[in-house]
Amino acid sequence: MSAPRIPVTPEPSRSGRAVDGAPKEGRVVPAGSAAPAGRVAGNRRRRTVSDIMQRDLVSILPDATVRDLIRSLRDHGIGGMPVVDESGNVLGTVSSTDLLWLATTELPDAPGFLAVDTLFGRTVREIMTPDVFGVSPDASLQELRRFFARTGVHRALVLDDGAIVGIVALSDVLDTLLDAAPAEEGSC
């Protein structure tokens, strides 16, 4: 029997994420309501989640193996993704943190190749987080920073009227801090 197909296109985008028919609905834990995007001093528009989110999504089927998951995370240069059924409905999320937890709970007691074989034989459904954290594309970056600090999660789906329109990670927020910092003397 062949491994389950991971529903991604073979062509990665500039961000390293492959384009996938974005899932449309699922069980979501809202991150709070967001104020509409507005203007700040001068003509500068307040930056929102929509400005920094990744629009290209990679997802995985729940029956994919841990080996499939690790390959997909590595091949796309990402740390987590939504788990979707064959219709694109969101079932949960899975991340490198879930893999770390699995490795620390499963690998220490089993010898060598048996441990890795046991780990790789598990399915995404067995290790995924069933709750999905979502944020509005109109949420401000300050609201997003507070959300990540409060929840301790590292990524959230971006939801517009219940439809997934992107994904945003803590690393995207950290990039905005670097972008806002004055250039270091002597740097290009």
Protein backbone atom coordinates (compact mmCIF):
# COMPACT_ATOMS: atom_id res chain seq x y z
CA MET A 1 0.00 0.00 0.00
CA SER A 2 1.43 3.38 -0.95
CA ALA A 3 1.81 6.29 1.46
CA PRO A 4 -1.05 8.80 1.59
CA ARG A 5 -0.71 11.66 -0.86
CA ILE A 6 0.23 14.95 0.78
CA PRO A 7 -2.00 17.54 -0.93
CA VAL A 8 0.55 20.08 -2.10
CA THR A 9 1.74 21.16 -5.50
CA PRO A 10 5.32 20.37 -6.40
CA GLU A 11 6.26 23.99 -7.10
CA PRO A 12 7.22 25.93 -3.96
CA SER A 13 6.51 29.63 -3.89
CA ARG A 14 9.01 32.36 -3.00
CA SER A 15 8.18 31.79 0.66
CA GLY A 16 9.01 28.08 0.38
CA ARG A 17 5.40 27.10 0.86
CA ALA A 18 3.55 25.23 -1.83
CA VAL A 19 0.21 26.37 -3.16
CA ASP A 20 -2.62 24.12 -2.01
CA GLY A 21 -6.37 24.42 -2.40
CA ALA A 22 -6.91 26.19 0.92
CA PRO A 23 -9.24 24.45 3.36
CA LYS A 24 -12.52 26.28 3.81
CA GLU A 25 -13.74 25.41 7.29
CA GLY A 26 -12.97 23.62 10.49
CA ARG A 27 -13.05 23.75 14.27
CA VAL A 28 -11.40 27.03 15.21
CA VAL A 29 -10.40 28.62 18.49
CA PRO A 30 -10.71 32.37 17.77
CA ALA A 31 -7.86 34.57 18.89
CA GLY A 32 -10.13 37.52 19.63
CA SER A 33 -11.78 40.17 17.57
CA ALA A 34 -9.72 42.65 15.69
CA ALA A 35 -10.26 46.33 15.09
CA PRO A 36 -10.51 47.30 11.43
CA ALA A 37 -7.34 48.44 9.74
CA GLY A 38 -6.91 52.14 10.18
CA ARG A 39 -4.51 55.01 9.64
CA VAL A 40 -1.83 56.26 11.96
CA ALA A 41 0.06 59.56 12.07
CA GLY A 42 0.71 60.91 8.60
CA ASN A 43 -0.28 58.78 5.64
CA ARG A 44 1.19 55.52 6.93
CA ARG A 45 -1.35 52.72 7.10
CA ARG A 46 -1.34 50.59 10.22
CA ARG A 47 0.14 47.19 9.34
CA THR A 48 -2.11 44.20 9.80
CA VAL A 49 -1.87 40.42 9.77
CA SER A 50 -2.86 40.55 6.09
CA ASP A 51 0.36 42.46 5.34
CA ILE A 52 2.66 39.75 6.71
CA MET A 53 0.76 36.47 6.40
CA GLN A 54 1.80 33.72 4.02
CA ARG A 55 -0.95 33.18 1.46
CA ASP A 56 0.45 29.94 0.08
CA LEU A 57 -0.52 27.01 2.26
CA VAL A 58 0.88 23.54 2.72
CA SER A 59 -1.42 21.02 4.36
CA ILE A 60 -1.30 17.33 5.16
CA LEU A 61 -3.82 14.51 5.37
CA PRO A 62 -4.48 12.92 8.78
CA ASP A 63 -3.46 9.43 7.61
CA ALA A 64 -0.04 10.59 6.38
CA THR A 65 2.84 9.07 8.33
CA VAL A 66 5.23 10.96 10.58
CA ARG A 67 7.89 10.28 7.95
CA ASP A 68 5.69 12.04 5.34
CA LEU A 69 5.19 14.94 7.74
CA ILE A 70 8.89 15.38 8.46
CA ARG A 71 9.70 15.32 4.74
CA SER A 72 6.99 17.87 3.97
CA LEU A 73 8.10 20.24 6.75
CA ARG A 74 11.71 19.96 5.60
CA ASP A 75 10.97 20.23 1.87
CA HIS A 76 8.87 23.38 2.35
CA GLY A 77 11.03 24.97 5.02
CA ILE A 78 8.14 25.39 7.47
CA GLY A 79 7.51 24.47 11.10
CA GLY A 80 3.85 23.49 10.99
CA MET A 81 0.76 23.12 8.84
CA PRO A 82 -2.98 22.49 8.95
CA VAL A 83 -4.23 18.91 8.90
CA VAL A 84 -7.14 18.63 6.46
CA ASP A 85 -9.45 15.89 5.27
CA GLU A 86 -9.79 15.04 1.58
CA SER A 87 -12.47 17.74 1.20
CA GLY A 88 -10.15 20.39 2.62
CA ASN A 89 -11.89 20.71 6.01
CA VAL A 90 -9.49 21.60 8.81
CA LEU A 91 -9.12 18.84 11.41
CA GLY A 92 -6.28 20.39 13.40
CA THR A 93 -2.67 21.48 13.12
CA VAL A 94 0.65 19.69 13.38
CA SER A 95 4.08 21.14 13.98
CA SER A 96 7.71 20.45 14.68
CA THR A 97 6.83 20.92 18.38
CA ASP A 98 4.43 17.95 18.13
CA LEU A 99 7.26 15.94 16.58
CA LEU A 100 9.64 16.95 19.36
CA TRP A 101 7.11 15.87 21.97
CA LEU A 102 6.63 12.54 20.19
CA ALA A 103 10.38 11.95 19.90
CA THR A 104 10.98 12.68 23.59
CA THR A 105 8.16 10.42 24.73
CA GLU A 106 8.75 7.53 22.29
CA LEU A 107 12.45 7.37 21.48
CA PRO A 108 14.30 7.15 24.81
CA ASP A 109 13.07 3.67 25.77
CA ALA A 110 13.36 1.86 22.45
CA PRO A 111 16.71 0.79 20.97
CA GLY A 112 18.04 2.32 17.74
CA PHE A 113 16.17 1.54 14.55
CA LEU A 114 13.14 0.13 16.41
CA ALA A 115 12.51 3.54 17.96
CA VAL A 116 12.74 5.38 14.65
CA ASP A 117 10.57 2.74 12.94
CA THR A 118 7.95 3.15 15.68
CA LEU A 119 8.10 6.93 15.36
CA PHE A 120 7.81 6.90 11.55
CA GLY A 121 4.94 4.42 11.65
CA ARG A 122 2.69 6.81 13.57
CA THR A 123 0.12 8.90 11.71
CA VAL A 124 -0.41 12.65 11.72
CA ARG A 125 -3.86 12.06 13.24
CA GLU A 126 -2.17 10.51 16.31
CA ILE A 127 0.05 13.51 17.03
CA MET A 128 -1.85 16.53 15.68
CA THR A 129 -3.37 19.22 17.87
CA PRO A 130 -7.13 19.15 17.24
CA ASP A 131 -7.68 22.81 18.18
CA VAL A 132 -6.89 25.41 15.55
CA PHE A 133 -5.88 28.92 16.53
CA GLY A 134 -7.11 31.59 14.16
CA VAL A 135 -6.66 35.32 13.74
CA SER A 136 -8.37 37.89 11.56
CA PRO A 137 -6.50 39.31 8.57
CA ASP A 138 -7.49 42.76 9.88
CA ALA A 139 -5.87 42.27 13.31
CA SER A 140 -3.09 44.75 14.01
CA LEU A 141 0.47 43.52 14.46
CA GLN A 142 0.28 44.61 18.12
CA GLU A 143 -2.79 42.41 18.58
CA LEU A 144 -0.95 39.55 16.88
CA ARG A 145 2.11 39.98 19.14
CA ARG A 146 -0.15 39.92 22.20
CA PHE A 147 -1.92 36.82 20.88
CA PHE A 148 1.34 34.91 20.42
CA ALA A 149 2.60 36.03 23.86
CA ARG A 150 -0.67 35.08 25.57
CA THR A 151 -1.22 31.68 23.93
CA GLY A 152 2.34 30.44 23.52
CA VAL A 153 1.54 29.10 20.03
CA HIS A 154 3.98 29.65 17.19
CA ARG A 155 1.59 29.93 14.26
CA ALA A 156 -2.07 30.68 13.55
CA LEU A 157 -4.36 30.27 10.59
CA VAL A 158 -5.66 33.53 9.17
CA LEU A 159 -9.44 33.34 8.85
CA ASP A 160 -11.78 35.60 6.94
CA ASP A 161 -15.46 34.74 7.48
CA GLY A 162 -14.42 31.22 8.49
CA ALA A 163 -12.34 30.59 5.35
CA ILE A 164 -8.59 30.13 5.62
CA VAL A 165 -6.85 32.88 3.68
CA GLY A 166 -3.33 32.37 5.00
CA ILE A 167 -1.08 31.42 7.86
CA VAL A 168 1.08 33.61 10.09
CA ALA A 169 3.97 32.48 12.26
CA LEU A 170 5.84 33.96 15.16
CA SER A 171 8.84 34.25 12.85
CA ASP A 172 6.79 36.56 10.58
CA VAL A 173 6.18 38.83 13.58
CA LEU A 174 9.88 38.80 14.49
CA ASP A 175 10.69 39.79 10.88
CA THR A 176 8.51 42.91 11.31
CA LEU A 177 10.53 43.91 14.38
CA LEU A 178 13.74 43.65 12.35
CA ASP A 179 12.16 45.63 9.51
CA ALA A 180 11.19 48.41 11.92
CA ALA A 181 14.60 48.64 13.60
CA PRO A 182 17.11 51.23 12.41
CA ALA A 183 19.88 49.81 10.25
CA GLU A 184 23.06 48.86 12.07
CA GLU A 185 26.06 51.01 11.35
CA GLY A 186 28.30 49.34 8.82
CA SER A 187 25.57 47.02 7.48
CA CYS A 188 24.39 47.02 3.87
